[in-house]
Amino acid sequence: MVTAMIHVASEFSLLGYWSSRHVLRFFLLQAVGIHVETMVIEWGSRLSVRWPTRAMGYLWVLTWFFFTAPYMLDPPLLSGLAQGSPSLGIFSTLLRASSALGFGTIS
């Protein structure tokens, strides 16, 4: 929560207003993702399910980050922070794809 509050304050400093749905939502969703991951691991161990745990963990983290990163990155990018900045490489492509799917767009 401390990290979330620091990022909310920096978002306010950058934007000049309180954005009610982005950075704080990103950090709160991380707790949800950790909880879901813990539940799946627990259920899998109770059912004696065998799966490639390391590969599944990496896939889970990448998928979760793909869908939640726009909540953290949209406000600074939409404020013009990245204008004239170098590309984010593959993350630029991922962000455009997630935005095209309707994730992380400001309504």
Protein backbone atom coordinates (compact mmCIF):
# COMPACT_ATOMS: atom_id res chain seq x y z
CA MET A 1 0.00 0.00 0.00
CA VAL A 2 2.88 2.36 0.69
CA THR A 3 4.18 1.92 -2.85
CA ALA A 4 0.68 2.53 -4.21
CA MET A 5 0.35 5.78 -2.25
CA ILE A 6 3.76 6.98 -3.44
CA HIS A 7 2.76 6.29 -7.04
CA VAL A 8 -0.64 7.98 -6.57
CA ALA A 9 1.14 11.06 -5.24
CA SER A 10 3.56 11.08 -8.18
CA GLU A 11 0.64 10.65 -10.60
CA PHE A 12 -1.04 13.67 -9.01
CA SER A 13 2.19 15.64 -9.28
CA LEU A 14 2.47 14.74 -12.96
CA LEU A 15 -1.16 15.20 -13.98
CA GLY A 16 -2.20 17.96 -11.60
CA TYR A 17 -5.42 16.14 -10.65
CA TRP A 18 -6.47 12.92 -8.93
CA SER A 19 -6.95 10.11 -11.41
CA SER A 20 -9.38 7.83 -9.64
CA ARG A 21 -8.87 4.66 -11.60
CA HIS A 22 -5.29 4.01 -12.62
CA VAL A 23 -2.21 3.67 -10.45
CA LEU A 24 -4.07 2.70 -7.29
CA ARG A 25 -6.12 0.14 -9.25
CA PHE A 26 -2.90 -1.36 -10.65
CA PHE A 27 -1.43 -1.94 -7.19
CA LEU A 28 -4.68 -3.26 -5.71
CA LEU A 29 -5.03 -5.68 -8.63
CA GLN A 30 -1.56 -7.07 -7.87
CA ALA A 31 -2.89 -8.30 -4.51
CA VAL A 32 -5.84 -9.91 -6.31
CA GLY A 33 -3.48 -11.62 -8.75
CA ILE A 34 -1.31 -12.97 -5.93
CA HIS A 35 -4.40 -14.26 -4.14
CA VAL A 36 -5.71 -16.01 -7.27
CA GLU A 37 -2.29 -17.54 -7.90
CA THR A 38 -2.10 -18.82 -4.31
CA MET A 39 -5.59 -20.34 -4.56
CA VAL A 40 -4.76 -22.12 -7.84
CA ILE A 41 -1.54 -23.52 -6.36
CA GLU A 42 -3.42 -24.72 -3.27
CA TRP A 43 -6.20 -26.35 -5.31
CA GLY A 44 -3.65 -27.96 -7.61
CA SER A 45 -1.74 -29.46 -4.70
CA ARG A 46 -4.94 -30.77 -3.10
CA LEU A 47 -5.96 -32.43 -6.36
CA SER A 48 -2.42 -33.72 -6.97
CA VAL A 49 -2.32 -31.97 -10.34
CA ARG A 50 1.04 -32.14 -12.09
CA TRP A 51 1.97 -29.23 -14.32
CA PRO A 52 5.16 -27.44 -15.31
CA THR A 53 5.04 -24.99 -12.40
CA ARG A 54 7.86 -22.71 -13.48
CA ALA A 55 6.50 -22.25 -17.00
CA MET A 56 2.97 -21.75 -15.65
CA GLY A 57 4.28 -19.16 -13.20
CA TYR A 58 6.02 -17.17 -15.92
CA LEU A 59 2.94 -17.37 -18.15
CA TRP A 60 0.71 -16.22 -15.29
CA VAL A 61 2.93 -13.25 -14.44
CA LEU A 62 3.23 -12.13 -18.07
CA THR A 63 -0.50 -12.48 -18.65
CA TRP A 64 -1.44 -10.65 -15.45
CA PHE A 65 1.04 -7.86 -16.16
CA PHE A 66 -0.22 -7.57 -19.75
CA PHE A 67 -3.76 -6.90 -18.54
CA THR A 68 -2.91 -4.67 -15.55
CA ALA A 69 0.06 -2.60 -16.81
CA PRO A 70 -2.12 -0.11 -18.73
CA TYR A 71 -3.64 1.03 -15.42
CA MET A 72 -0.21 2.19 -14.34
CA LEU A 73 1.08 3.42 -17.70
CA ASP A 74 -1.96 5.16 -19.22
CA PRO A 75 -1.94 8.36 -17.13
CA PRO A 76 1.70 9.34 -17.77
CA LEU A 77 1.53 8.31 -21.43
CA LEU A 78 -1.72 10.18 -22.03
CA SER A 79 -0.34 13.26 -20.30
CA GLY A 80 2.38 13.45 -22.94
CA LEU A 81 5.23 12.22 -20.77
CA ALA A 82 6.45 9.85 -23.48
CA GLN A 83 6.26 12.32 -26.38
CA GLY A 84 9.67 12.50 -27.94
CA SER A 85 10.93 9.69 -25.72
CA PRO A 86 12.43 6.51 -27.07
CA SER A 87 10.15 3.57 -27.79
CA LEU A 88 9.40 1.06 -25.06
CA GLY A 89 10.34 -1.71 -27.48
CA ILE A 90 8.16 -4.80 -27.29
CA PHE A 91 6.19 -3.22 -24.44
CA SER A 92 4.92 -0.56 -26.86
CA THR A 93 3.46 -3.32 -29.02
CA LEU A 94 1.93 -5.06 -26.01
CA LEU A 95 0.42 -1.83 -24.73
CA ARG A 96 -1.10 -1.03 -28.13
CA ALA A 97 -2.52 -4.56 -28.34
CA SER A 98 -4.04 -4.40 -24.85
CA SER A 99 -5.50 -0.98 -25.61
CA ALA A 100 -6.99 -2.29 -28.86
CA LEU A 101 -8.65 -5.08 -26.86
CA GLY A 102 -10.21 -2.48 -24.57
CA PHE A 103 -7.97 -2.93 -21.54
CA GLY A 104 -6.59 0.15 -19.86
CA THR A 105 -8.48 2.67 -21.93
CA ILE A 106 -9.86 5.75 -20.27
CA SER A 107 -13.58 6.16 -20.71
